[in-house]
Amino acid sequence: MCQALAELVTYKVIERKKSIGQAKEVGRITEWYKKHEAGVAKVEETILSIGSSLFLVNEGSSCCYLATIESIKIDDISVNEVQTSKGMEVGLKFDVDAKKGFRLYQLYV
C-alpha cells in the first residue's frame, strides 16, 4: 500500500512539473525484453547518459518510479552518452524493471 501511494504522489509531482515546464516527456518504451531487463525506446531530442535518471511513467495506472540508466546502445553499439534526435530508437537498460508503453520523463531544475 505504501509503495502504491508513493508512486501516485510521484506521478502527481511529475504531472505538476510538466505543467510548469520543469519536466519533459523524452520518449516511450516500444519494446521490452524482460529476460535482459532492457528495451528499446523511441525518443525525442535530448541527452541521455549512463548513470543519469529518468522517471518511468505508466499513465494508465499512475505507476511512476525513478530509474537509473545502466547502459545505452545505438545500433547495437554501446555508448556512454548520446545526443538523440526526434524519432530515434535507443536501447536502454535500467536498474529497475519496466514495460512496453512506459513513458520516459526528465526533470529540469
Protein backbone atom coordinates (compact mmCIF):
# COMPACT_ATOMS: atom_id res chain seq x y z
CA MET A 1 0.00 0.00 0.00
CA CYS A 2 2.81 2.42 0.87
CA GLN A 3 4.56 1.80 -2.45
CA ALA A 4 1.36 2.45 -4.42
CA LEU A 5 0.80 5.68 -2.51
CA ALA A 6 4.42 6.78 -3.11
CA GLU A 7 4.06 6.07 -6.85
CA LEU A 8 0.82 8.07 -7.01
CA VAL A 9 2.41 11.05 -5.27
CA THR A 10 5.42 10.85 -7.60
CA TYR A 11 3.09 10.71 -10.60
CA LYS A 12 1.26 13.83 -9.41
CA VAL A 13 4.59 15.64 -8.88
CA ILE A 14 5.67 14.75 -12.44
CA GLU A 15 2.33 16.00 -13.81
CA ARG A 16 2.72 19.29 -11.93
CA LYS A 17 6.33 19.77 -13.02
CA LYS A 18 5.31 19.03 -16.62
CA SER A 19 2.64 21.73 -16.45
CA ILE A 20 5.15 24.36 -15.25
CA GLY A 21 7.93 23.36 -17.67
CA GLN A 22 10.19 21.59 -15.18
CA ALA A 23 9.64 18.11 -16.65
CA LYS A 24 9.55 16.89 -20.22
CA GLU A 25 8.48 13.64 -21.81
CA VAL A 26 11.54 12.45 -23.74
CA GLY A 27 10.38 9.10 -25.05
CA ARG A 28 8.40 5.92 -24.78
CA ILE A 29 9.43 2.27 -24.41
CA THR A 30 8.36 0.50 -27.60
CA GLU A 31 9.86 -2.93 -26.83
CA TRP A 32 10.79 -4.57 -23.53
CA TYR A 33 12.87 -7.73 -23.07
CA LYS A 34 12.22 -8.99 -19.54
CA LYS A 35 14.98 -11.62 -19.75
CA HIS A 36 17.58 -8.90 -20.34
CA GLU A 37 15.78 -6.21 -18.31
CA ALA A 38 16.33 -3.86 -21.25
CA GLY A 39 14.31 -2.39 -24.04
CA VAL A 40 14.04 -0.03 -26.96
CA ALA A 41 12.74 3.49 -26.58
CA LYS A 42 11.65 5.90 -29.27
CA VAL A 43 12.92 9.25 -28.04
CA GLU A 44 12.71 12.97 -28.63
CA GLU A 45 15.65 15.36 -28.82
CA THR A 46 17.56 15.08 -25.53
CA ILE A 47 20.84 13.94 -23.99
CA LEU A 48 20.95 10.51 -22.34
CA SER A 49 23.92 9.23 -20.38
CA ILE A 50 24.82 6.23 -18.26
CA GLY A 51 24.17 6.99 -14.60
CA SER A 52 21.53 9.61 -15.27
CA SER A 53 17.96 9.14 -14.10
CA LEU A 54 14.61 9.17 -15.83
CA PHE A 55 11.12 8.76 -14.44
CA LEU A 56 9.24 5.81 -15.92
CA VAL A 57 5.52 6.53 -16.06
CA ASN A 58 2.59 4.29 -16.93
CA GLU A 59 -0.17 6.86 -17.17
CA GLY A 60 -2.95 4.27 -17.32
CA SER A 61 -2.24 3.07 -13.81
CA SER A 62 -0.47 6.16 -12.39
CA CYS A 63 2.57 3.93 -11.84
CA CYS A 64 5.67 6.09 -11.64
CA TYR A 65 9.19 5.46 -10.41
CA LEU A 66 12.76 6.67 -10.79
CA ALA A 67 15.14 4.60 -12.91
CA THR A 68 18.87 4.96 -13.48
CA ILE A 69 20.27 4.23 -16.93
CA GLU A 70 22.79 1.37 -16.71
CA SER A 71 23.61 1.04 -20.41
CA ILE A 72 22.82 2.67 -23.74
CA LYS A 73 23.05 1.11 -27.20
CA ILE A 74 22.76 2.77 -30.58
CA ASP A 75 22.62 0.28 -33.49
CA ASP A 76 23.94 -2.46 -31.13
CA ILE A 77 26.97 -0.32 -30.17
CA SER A 78 27.40 0.61 -26.51
CA VAL A 79 27.87 4.30 -25.75
CA ASN A 80 28.23 6.28 -22.52
CA GLU A 81 26.26 9.29 -23.72
CA VAL A 82 24.12 10.17 -26.71
CA GLN A 83 22.54 13.30 -28.14
CA THR A 84 19.28 11.98 -29.55
CA SER A 85 17.04 13.35 -32.26
CA LYS A 86 13.27 13.14 -32.61
CA GLY A 87 12.10 9.62 -33.53
CA MET A 88 15.47 7.99 -32.80
CA GLU A 89 15.42 4.47 -31.32
CA VAL A 90 17.75 3.82 -28.39
CA GLY A 91 18.46 0.62 -26.50
CA LEU A 92 18.26 1.25 -22.74
CA LYS A 93 18.91 -0.88 -19.68
CA PHE A 94 17.71 0.42 -16.32
CA ASP A 95 18.31 -0.56 -12.72
CA VAL A 96 14.59 -1.39 -12.44
CA ASP A 97 12.15 -3.44 -14.49
CA ALA A 98 9.93 -1.60 -16.95
CA LYS A 99 7.32 -2.47 -19.55
CA LYS A 100 6.37 -1.63 -23.10
CA GLY A 101 4.40 1.61 -23.23
CA PHE A 102 6.05 3.30 -20.24
CA ARG A 103 6.81 6.96 -20.94
CA LEU A 104 10.20 8.47 -20.09
CA TYR A 105 10.43 11.83 -18.33
CA GLN A 106 13.39 14.06 -17.47
CA LEU A 107 13.16 16.69 -14.75
CA TYR A 108 14.72 20.14 -15.07
CA VAL A 109 15.57 22.40 -12.17
